[in-house]
């Protein structure tokens, strides 16, 4: 596996994955150096025994810690990296509120907005397919809930910017790539701008490449 930038942390990473992007965003905002290990999902790079030893689920991202522990799952990685930083509350109730939004992101935002972005960019669905319509309806319901929550708040949890915002932002800021119109959700749109203004913010999320298209590669998604 090709690597870039040497340090004690390694991130096994795919540039078009918003799950990976949110980890890169937190690392950038923490100012923590790390070694980025590109993993070409659609070239079958997660299918072999070597990668299965890192993550038996054969997914990205995976964070290799300084002591050689492999930590999969983007939410778990965010919690680990944010511990004892301003991105994670110190009190139990505040941490639980963060986890609430990390779970919501995985269960309501990714399957709708994230799932539709992936399927449209890789020709697995077209806009008029039933699967796309169902995902847009789910996205509208999720965005309505998020917009209502932000009506009296600047950020999602604890009264300040946190990993809850990072996790949600990773998928919502590219809603347009899933043909989802954010214009009806004024509070969400204003929140997106507040996130972009946070110190250290960056956006290096890439579109899915040609080998991610249906039938063009080998992956756990085919």
C-alpha atoms as a PDB file:
ATOM      1  CA  UNK A   1       0.000   0.000   0.000  1.00  0.00           C
ATOM      2  CA  UNK A   2       1.369   3.416  -0.994  1.00  0.00           C
ATOM      3  CA  UNK A   3       1.701   5.897   1.873  1.00  0.00           C
ATOM      4  CA  UNK A   4       2.261   9.627   2.238  1.00  0.00           C
ATOM      5  CA  UNK A   5       3.470  11.813   5.119  1.00  0.00           C
ATOM      6  CA  UNK A   6       5.294  10.126   8.007  1.00  0.00           C
ATOM      7  CA  UNK A   7       4.124  10.232  11.652  1.00  0.00           C
ATOM      8  CA  UNK A   8       2.854   8.073  14.508  1.00  0.00           C
ATOM      9  CA  UNK A   9      -0.746   7.899  13.284  1.00  0.00           C
ATOM     10  CA  UNK A  10      -1.772   6.124  10.085  1.00  0.00           C
ATOM     11  CA  UNK A  11      -5.118   6.555   8.353  1.00  0.00           C
ATOM     12  CA  UNK A  12      -6.190   3.872   5.888  1.00  0.00           C
ATOM     13  CA  UNK A  13      -8.229   6.056   3.641  1.00  0.00           C
ATOM     14  CA  UNK A  14     -10.265   6.487   0.445  1.00  0.00           C
ATOM     15  CA  UNK A  15     -10.423   9.999  -0.965  1.00  0.00           C
ATOM     16  CA  UNK A  16     -14.040   9.874  -2.197  1.00  0.00           C
ATOM     17  CA  UNK A  17     -15.467   8.520   1.044  1.00  0.00           C
ATOM     18  CA  UNK A  18     -17.138  11.078   3.302  1.00  0.00           C
ATOM     19  CA  UNK A  19     -16.572   8.690   6.207  1.00  0.00           C
ATOM     20  CA  UNK A  20     -12.856   9.103   5.560  1.00  0.00           C
ATOM     21  CA  UNK A  21     -13.126  12.821   4.874  1.00  0.00           C
ATOM     22  CA  UNK A  22     -14.604  13.561   8.287  1.00  0.00           C
ATOM     23  CA  UNK A  23     -11.588  11.917   9.953  1.00  0.00           C
ATOM     24  CA  UNK A  24      -9.205  13.931   7.761  1.00  0.00           C
ATOM     25  CA  UNK A  25     -11.135  17.091   8.648  1.00  0.00           C
ATOM     26  CA  UNK A  26     -10.843  16.462  12.386  1.00  0.00           C
ATOM     27  CA  UNK A  27      -7.135  15.659  12.083  1.00  0.00           C
ATOM     28  CA  UNK A  28      -6.615  18.901  10.156  1.00  0.00           C
ATOM     29  CA  UNK A  29      -8.481  20.927  12.752  1.00  0.00           C
ATOM     30  CA  UNK A  30      -6.585  19.268  15.563  1.00  0.00           C
ATOM     31  CA  UNK A  31      -3.338  20.001  13.745  1.00  0.00           C
ATOM     32  CA  UNK A  32      -2.216  16.386  14.153  1.00  0.00           C
ATOM     33  CA  UNK A  33       0.210  14.976  11.590  1.00  0.00           C
ATOM     34  CA  UNK A  34      -0.504  11.513  10.265  1.00  0.00           C
ATOM     35  CA  UNK A  35       0.470   9.074   7.565  1.00  0.00           C
ATOM     36  CA  UNK A  36      -2.223   8.716   4.922  1.00  0.00           C
ATOM     37  CA  UNK A  37      -2.444   5.224   3.410  1.00  0.00           C
ATOM     38  CA  UNK A  38      -4.595   5.308   0.255  1.00  0.00           C
ATOM     39  CA  UNK A  39      -6.766   2.223  -0.163  1.00  0.00           C
ATOM     40  CA  UNK A  40      -8.351   1.816  -3.605  1.00  0.00           C
ATOM     41  CA  UNK A  41     -11.606   0.145  -2.603  1.00  0.00           C
ATOM     42  CA  UNK A  42     -12.740  -0.525  -6.162  1.00  0.00           C
ATOM     43  CA  UNK A  43      -9.449  -2.078  -7.207  1.00  0.00           C
ATOM     44  CA  UNK A  44     -10.169  -4.826  -4.699  1.00  0.00           C
ATOM     45  CA  UNK A  45      -7.607  -3.573  -2.176  1.00  0.00           C
ATOM     46  CA  UNK A  46      -9.827  -4.375   0.826  1.00  0.00           C
ATOM     47  CA  UNK A  47     -10.645  -7.900  -0.359  1.00  0.00           C
ATOM     48  CA  UNK A  48      -7.344  -9.615   0.424  1.00  0.00           C
ATOM     49  CA  UNK A  49      -6.136 -11.223   3.625  1.00  0.00           C
ATOM     50  CA  UNK A  50      -3.669  -8.391   4.289  1.00  0.00           C
ATOM     51  CA  UNK A  51      -6.450  -5.825   4.639  1.00  0.00           C
ATOM     52  CA  UNK A  52      -8.770  -8.239   6.450  1.00  0.00           C
ATOM     53  CA  UNK A  53      -6.117  -8.445   9.168  1.00  0.00           C
ATOM     54  CA  UNK A  54      -6.469  -4.669   9.598  1.00  0.00           C
ATOM     55  CA  UNK A  55     -10.268  -4.618   9.434  1.00  0.00           C
ATOM     56  CA  UNK A  56     -12.267  -7.849   9.029  1.00  0.00           C
ATOM     57  CA  UNK A  57     -15.226  -5.764   7.785  1.00  0.00           C
ATOM     58  CA  UNK A  58     -12.994  -4.730   4.831  1.00  0.00           C
ATOM     59  CA  UNK A  59     -14.087  -1.095   5.108  1.00  0.00           C
ATOM     60  CA  UNK A  60     -12.376   2.291   5.390  1.00  0.00           C
ATOM     61  CA  UNK A  61     -11.437   4.312   7.308  1.00  0.00           C
ATOM     62  CA  UNK A  62      -9.169   2.538   9.748  1.00  0.00           C
ATOM     63  CA  UNK A  63      -6.906   4.457  12.122  1.00  0.00           C
ATOM     64  CA  UNK A  64      -3.671   2.838  13.227  1.00  0.00           C
ATOM     65  CA  UNK A  65      -2.707   4.409  16.543  1.00  0.00           C
ATOM     66  CA  UNK A  66       0.813   5.191  17.709  1.00  0.00           C
ATOM     67  CA  UNK A  67       0.916   1.917  19.650  1.00  0.00           C
ATOM     68  CA  UNK A  68      -0.115  -0.155  16.624  1.00  0.00           C
ATOM     69  CA  UNK A  69      -3.793  -0.655  17.449  1.00  0.00           C
ATOM     70  CA  UNK A  70      -6.160  -0.733  14.456  1.00  0.00           C
ATOM     71  CA  UNK A  71      -9.373   1.205  15.082  1.00  0.00           C
ATOM     72  CA  UNK A  72     -12.095   0.865  12.418  1.00  0.00           C
ATOM     73  CA  UNK A  73     -15.342   2.842  12.016  1.00  0.00           C
ATOM     74  CA  UNK A  74     -15.385   6.579  11.414  1.00  0.00           C
ATOM     75  CA  UNK A  75     -17.511   7.385  14.473  1.00  0.00           C
ATOM     76  CA  UNK A  76     -15.227   5.431  16.787  1.00  0.00           C
ATOM     77  CA  UNK A  77     -12.208   7.170  15.258  1.00  0.00           C
ATOM     78  CA  UNK A  78     -13.752  10.612  15.786  1.00  0.00           C
ATOM     79  CA  UNK A  79     -14.489   9.825  19.438  1.00  0.00           C
ATOM     80  CA  UNK A  80     -10.952   8.535  19.970  1.00  0.00           C
ATOM     81  CA  UNK A  81      -9.228  11.511  18.349  1.00  0.00           C
ATOM     82  CA  UNK A  82     -11.510  14.092  19.992  1.00  0.00           C
ATOM     83  CA  UNK A  83     -11.026  12.781  23.537  1.00  0.00           C
ATOM     84  CA  UNK A  84      -9.731  15.501  25.870  1.00  0.00           C
ATOM     85  CA  UNK A  85     -10.029  18.152  23.153  1.00  0.00           C
ATOM     86  CA  UNK A  86     -12.565  20.967  22.646  1.00  0.00           C
ATOM     87  CA  UNK A  87     -14.283  18.790  20.031  1.00  0.00           C
ATOM     88  CA  UNK A  88     -15.621  16.423  22.739  1.00  0.00           C
ATOM     89  CA  UNK A  89     -17.403  17.516  25.960  1.00  0.00           C
ATOM     90  CA  UNK A  90     -15.865  16.402  29.228  1.00  0.00           C
ATOM     91  CA  UNK A  91     -19.159  15.562  30.969  1.00  0.00           C
ATOM     92  CA  UNK A  92     -21.085  12.320  30.488  1.00  0.00           C
ATOM     93  CA  UNK A  93     -24.298  13.954  29.269  1.00  0.00           C
ATOM     94  CA  UNK A  94     -22.393  16.075  26.748  1.00  0.00           C
ATOM     95  CA  UNK A  95     -20.577  13.016  25.393  1.00  0.00           C
ATOM     96  CA  UNK A  96     -23.854  11.113  25.162  1.00  0.00           C
ATOM     97  CA  UNK A  97     -25.337  13.963  23.125  1.00  0.00           C
ATOM     98  CA  UNK A  98     -22.394  13.709  20.725  1.00  0.00           C
ATOM     99  CA  UNK A  99     -22.943   9.965  20.364  1.00  0.00           C
ATOM    100  CA  UNK A 100     -26.627  10.618  19.677  1.00  0.00           C
ATOM    101  CA  UNK A 101     -25.719  12.626  16.584  1.00  0.00           C
ATOM    102  CA  UNK A 102     -23.013  10.219  15.458  1.00  0.00           C
ATOM    103  CA  UNK A 103     -25.626   7.455  15.515  1.00  0.00           C
ATOM    104  CA  UNK A 104     -28.165   9.629  13.692  1.00  0.00           C
ATOM    105  CA  UNK A 105     -25.607  10.405  11.015  1.00  0.00           C
ATOM    106  CA  UNK A 106     -24.991   6.710  10.431  1.00  0.00           C
ATOM    107  CA  UNK A 107     -28.634   5.651  10.480  1.00  0.00           C
ATOM    108  CA  UNK A 108     -30.483   8.567   8.841  1.00  0.00           C
ATOM    109  CA  UNK A 109     -27.982  10.719   6.919  1.00  0.00           C
ATOM    110  CA  UNK A 110     -25.605   8.232   5.323  1.00  0.00           C
ATOM    111  CA  UNK A 111     -28.258   5.820   3.967  1.00  0.00           C
ATOM    112  CA  UNK A 112     -30.146   8.708   2.367  1.00  0.00           C
ATOM    113  CA  UNK A 113     -27.788  11.518   1.315  1.00  0.00           C
ATOM    114  CA  UNK A 114     -24.582   9.513   1.359  1.00  0.00           C
ATOM    115  CA  UNK A 115     -26.112   6.441  -0.222  1.00  0.00           C
ATOM    116  CA  UNK A 116     -27.703   8.470  -2.994  1.00  0.00           C
ATOM    117  CA  UNK A 117     -24.485  10.397  -3.743  1.00  0.00           C
ATOM    118  CA  UNK A 118     -22.598   7.114  -4.111  1.00  0.00           C
ATOM    119  CA  UNK A 119     -25.244   5.444  -6.278  1.00  0.00           C
ATOM    120  CA  UNK A 120     -25.746   8.402  -8.598  1.00  0.00           C
ATOM    121  CA  UNK A 121     -22.020   9.024  -9.117  1.00  0.00           C
ATOM    122  CA  UNK A 122     -21.359   5.349  -9.849  1.00  0.00           C
ATOM    123  CA  UNK A 123     -24.377   4.692 -12.100  1.00  0.00           C
ATOM    124  CA  UNK A 124     -25.984   2.304  -9.656  1.00  0.00           C
ATOM    125  CA  UNK A 125     -29.141   4.428  -9.686  1.00  0.00           C
ATOM    126  CA  UNK A 126     -30.604   7.151 -11.864  1.00  0.00           C
ATOM    127  CA  UNK A 127     -32.606  10.078 -10.505  1.00  0.00           C
ATOM    128  CA  UNK A 128     -35.956   8.568 -11.470  1.00  0.00           C
ATOM    129  CA  UNK A 129     -35.362   5.105 -10.023  1.00  0.00           C
ATOM    130  CA  UNK A 130     -37.539   4.075  -7.092  1.00  0.00           C
ATOM    131  CA  UNK A 131     -34.448   3.638  -4.929  1.00  0.00           C
ATOM    132  CA  UNK A 132     -33.389   7.221  -5.604  1.00  0.00           C
ATOM    133  CA  UNK A 133     -36.855   8.573  -4.869  1.00  0.00           C
ATOM    134  CA  UNK A 134     -37.009   6.719  -1.550  1.00  0.00           C
ATOM    135  CA  UNK A 135     -33.579   8.039  -0.553  1.00  0.00           C
ATOM    136  CA  UNK A 136     -34.535  11.630  -1.437  1.00  0.00           C
ATOM    137  CA  UNK A 137     -37.673  11.287   0.680  1.00  0.00           C
ATOM    138  CA  UNK A 138     -35.577   9.990   3.570  1.00  0.00           C
ATOM    139  CA  UNK A 139     -33.126  12.849   3.104  1.00  0.00           C
ATOM    140  CA  UNK A 140     -35.956  15.383   3.254  1.00  0.00           C
ATOM    141  CA  UNK A 141     -37.185  13.895   6.532  1.00  0.00           C
ATOM    142  CA  UNK A 142     -33.684  13.936   8.023  1.00  0.00           C
ATOM    143  CA  UNK A 143     -32.977  17.479   6.866  1.00  0.00           C
ATOM    144  CA  UNK A 144     -36.286  18.664   8.306  1.00  0.00           C
ATOM    145  CA  UNK A 145     -35.363  17.252  11.704  1.00  0.00           C
ATOM    146  CA  UNK A 146     -31.865  18.738  11.540  1.00  0.00           C
ATOM    147  CA  UNK A 147     -33.197  22.122  10.434  1.00  0.00           C
ATOM    148  CA  UNK A 148     -35.652  22.215  13.341  1.00  0.00           C
ATOM    149  CA  UNK A 149     -32.881  21.316  15.796  1.00  0.00           C
ATOM    150  CA  UNK A 150     -30.741  24.180  14.532  1.00  0.00           C
ATOM    151  CA  UNK A 151     -33.529  26.756  14.767  1.00  0.00           C
ATOM    152  CA  UNK A 152     -32.316  27.879  18.207  1.00  0.00           C
ATOM    153  CA  UNK A 153     -28.722  26.598  18.050  1.00  0.00           C
ATOM    154  CA  UNK A 154     -25.532  27.404  16.183  1.00  0.00           C
ATOM    155  CA  UNK A 155     -24.154  23.863  16.456  1.00  0.00           C
ATOM    156  CA  UNK A 156     -25.576  20.415  17.120  1.00  0.00           C
ATOM    157  CA  UNK A 157     -24.327  19.573  20.615  1.00  0.00           C
ATOM    158  CA  UNK A 158     -22.901  21.272  23.674  1.00  0.00           C
ATOM    159  CA  UNK A 159     -23.384  24.806  22.395  1.00  0.00           C
ATOM    160  CA  UNK A 160     -20.211  24.761  20.307  1.00  0.00           C
ATOM    161  CA  UNK A 161     -18.552  23.115  17.318  1.00  0.00           C
ATOM    162  CA  UNK A 162     -17.781  19.441  17.905  1.00  0.00           C
ATOM    163  CA  UNK A 163     -17.329  16.078  16.212  1.00  0.00           C
ATOM    164  CA  UNK A 164     -21.119  15.911  15.929  1.00  0.00           C
ATOM    165  CA  UNK A 165     -20.919  18.799  13.469  1.00  0.00           C
ATOM    166  CA  UNK A 166     -17.966  17.267  11.644  1.00  0.00           C
ATOM    167  CA  UNK A 167     -19.756  13.942  11.150  1.00  0.00           C
ATOM    168  CA  UNK A 168     -22.954  15.516   9.854  1.00  0.00           C
ATOM    169  CA  UNK A 169     -21.155  18.107   7.724  1.00  0.00           C
ATOM    170  CA  UNK A 170     -19.192  15.458   5.844  1.00  0.00           C
ATOM    171  CA  UNK A 171     -22.334  14.177   4.148  1.00  0.00           C
ATOM    172  CA  UNK A 172     -24.633  17.202   4.141  1.00  0.00           C
ATOM    173  CA  UNK A 173     -22.217  19.639   2.490  1.00  0.00           C
ATOM    174  CA  UNK A 174     -22.234  17.508  -0.678  1.00  0.00           C
ATOM    175  CA  UNK A 175     -26.023  17.037  -0.763  1.00  0.00           C
ATOM    176  CA  UNK A 176     -26.015  18.722  -4.151  1.00  0.00           C
ATOM    177  CA  UNK A 177     -24.002  15.808  -5.528  1.00  0.00           C
ATOM    178  CA  UNK A 178     -27.010  13.666  -4.624  1.00  0.00           C
ATOM    179  CA  UNK A 179     -29.405  16.135  -6.313  1.00  0.00           C
ATOM    180  CA  UNK A 180     -30.783  17.181  -2.931  1.00  0.00           C
ATOM    181  CA  UNK A 181     -31.774  20.842  -2.691  1.00  0.00           C
ATOM    182  CA  UNK A 182     -30.766  22.464   0.607  1.00  0.00           C
ATOM    183  CA  UNK A 183     -32.521  25.761  -0.146  1.00  0.00           C
ATOM    184  CA  UNK A 184     -35.644  24.884   1.905  1.00  0.00           C
ATOM    185  CA  UNK A 185     -33.466  24.290   4.973  1.00  0.00           C
ATOM    186  CA  UNK A 186     -32.248  27.757   5.914  1.00  0.00           C
ATOM    187  CA  UNK A 187     -30.935  26.747   9.341  1.00  0.00           C
ATOM    188  CA  UNK A 188     -28.913  23.882   7.892  1.00  0.00           C
ATOM    189  CA  UNK A 189     -27.508  26.170   5.183  1.00  0.00           C
ATOM    190  CA  UNK A 190     -26.456  28.771   7.775  1.00  0.00           C
ATOM    191  CA  UNK A 191     -24.876  26.032   9.893  1.00  0.00           C
ATOM    192  CA  UNK A 192     -22.885  24.756   6.898  1.00  0.00           C
ATOM    193  CA  UNK A 193     -21.372  28.215   6.518  1.00  0.00           C
ATOM    194  CA  UNK A 194     -20.488  28.352  10.231  1.00  0.00           C
ATOM    195  CA  UNK A 195     -18.707  25.017   9.889  1.00  0.00           C
ATOM    196  CA  UNK A 196     -16.732  26.262   6.877  1.00  0.00           C
ATOM    197  CA  UNK A 197     -15.550  29.235   8.939  1.00  0.00           C
ATOM    198  CA  UNK A 198     -14.075  27.080  11.714  1.00  0.00           C
ATOM    199  CA  UNK A 199     -10.275  27.278  12.158  1.00  0.00           C
ATOM    200  CA  UNK A 200      -8.424  24.641  10.180  1.00  0.00           C
ATOM    201  CA  UNK A 201     -11.390  23.782   7.994  1.00  0.00           C
ATOM    202  CA  UNK A 202     -10.526  22.118   4.714  1.00  0.00           C
ATOM    203  CA  UNK A 203     -12.364  20.159   2.046  1.00  0.00           C
ATOM    204  CA  UNK A 204     -10.485  17.521   0.063  1.00  0.00           C
ATOM    205  CA  UNK A 205     -13.410  15.166  -0.597  1.00  0.00           C
ATOM    206  CA  UNK A 206     -13.226  13.913  -4.186  1.00  0.00           C
ATOM    207  CA  UNK A 207     -15.909  12.504  -6.509  1.00  0.00           C
ATOM    208  CA  UNK A 208     -15.996   8.746  -7.027  1.00  0.00           C
ATOM    209  CA  UNK A 209     -13.536   7.792  -9.784  1.00  0.00           C
ATOM    210  CA  UNK A 210     -14.374   5.783 -12.940  1.00  0.00           C
ATOM    211  CA  UNK A 211     -13.398   2.423 -11.429  1.00  0.00           C
ATOM    212  CA  UNK A 212     -16.125   2.882  -8.793  1.00  0.00           C
ATOM    213  CA  UNK A 213     -18.835   2.673 -11.449  1.00  0.00           C
ATOM    214  CA  UNK A 214     -21.053  -0.375 -11.496  1.00  0.00           C
ATOM    215  CA  UNK A 215     -19.240  -3.306 -13.079  1.00  0.00           C
ATOM    216  CA  UNK A 216     -15.935  -1.448 -13.451  1.00  0.00           C
ATOM    217  CA  UNK A 217     -14.135  -2.711 -10.351  1.00  0.00           C
ATOM    218  CA  UNK A 218     -14.002  -5.231  -7.527  1.00  0.00           C
ATOM    219  CA  UNK A 219     -15.164  -4.288  -4.049  1.00  0.00           C
ATOM    220  CA  UNK A 220     -17.434  -5.266  -1.166  1.00  0.00           C
ATOM    221  CA  UNK A 221     -20.086  -3.079  -2.838  1.00  0.00           C
ATOM    222  CA  UNK A 222     -20.293  -5.240  -6.002  1.00  0.00           C
END
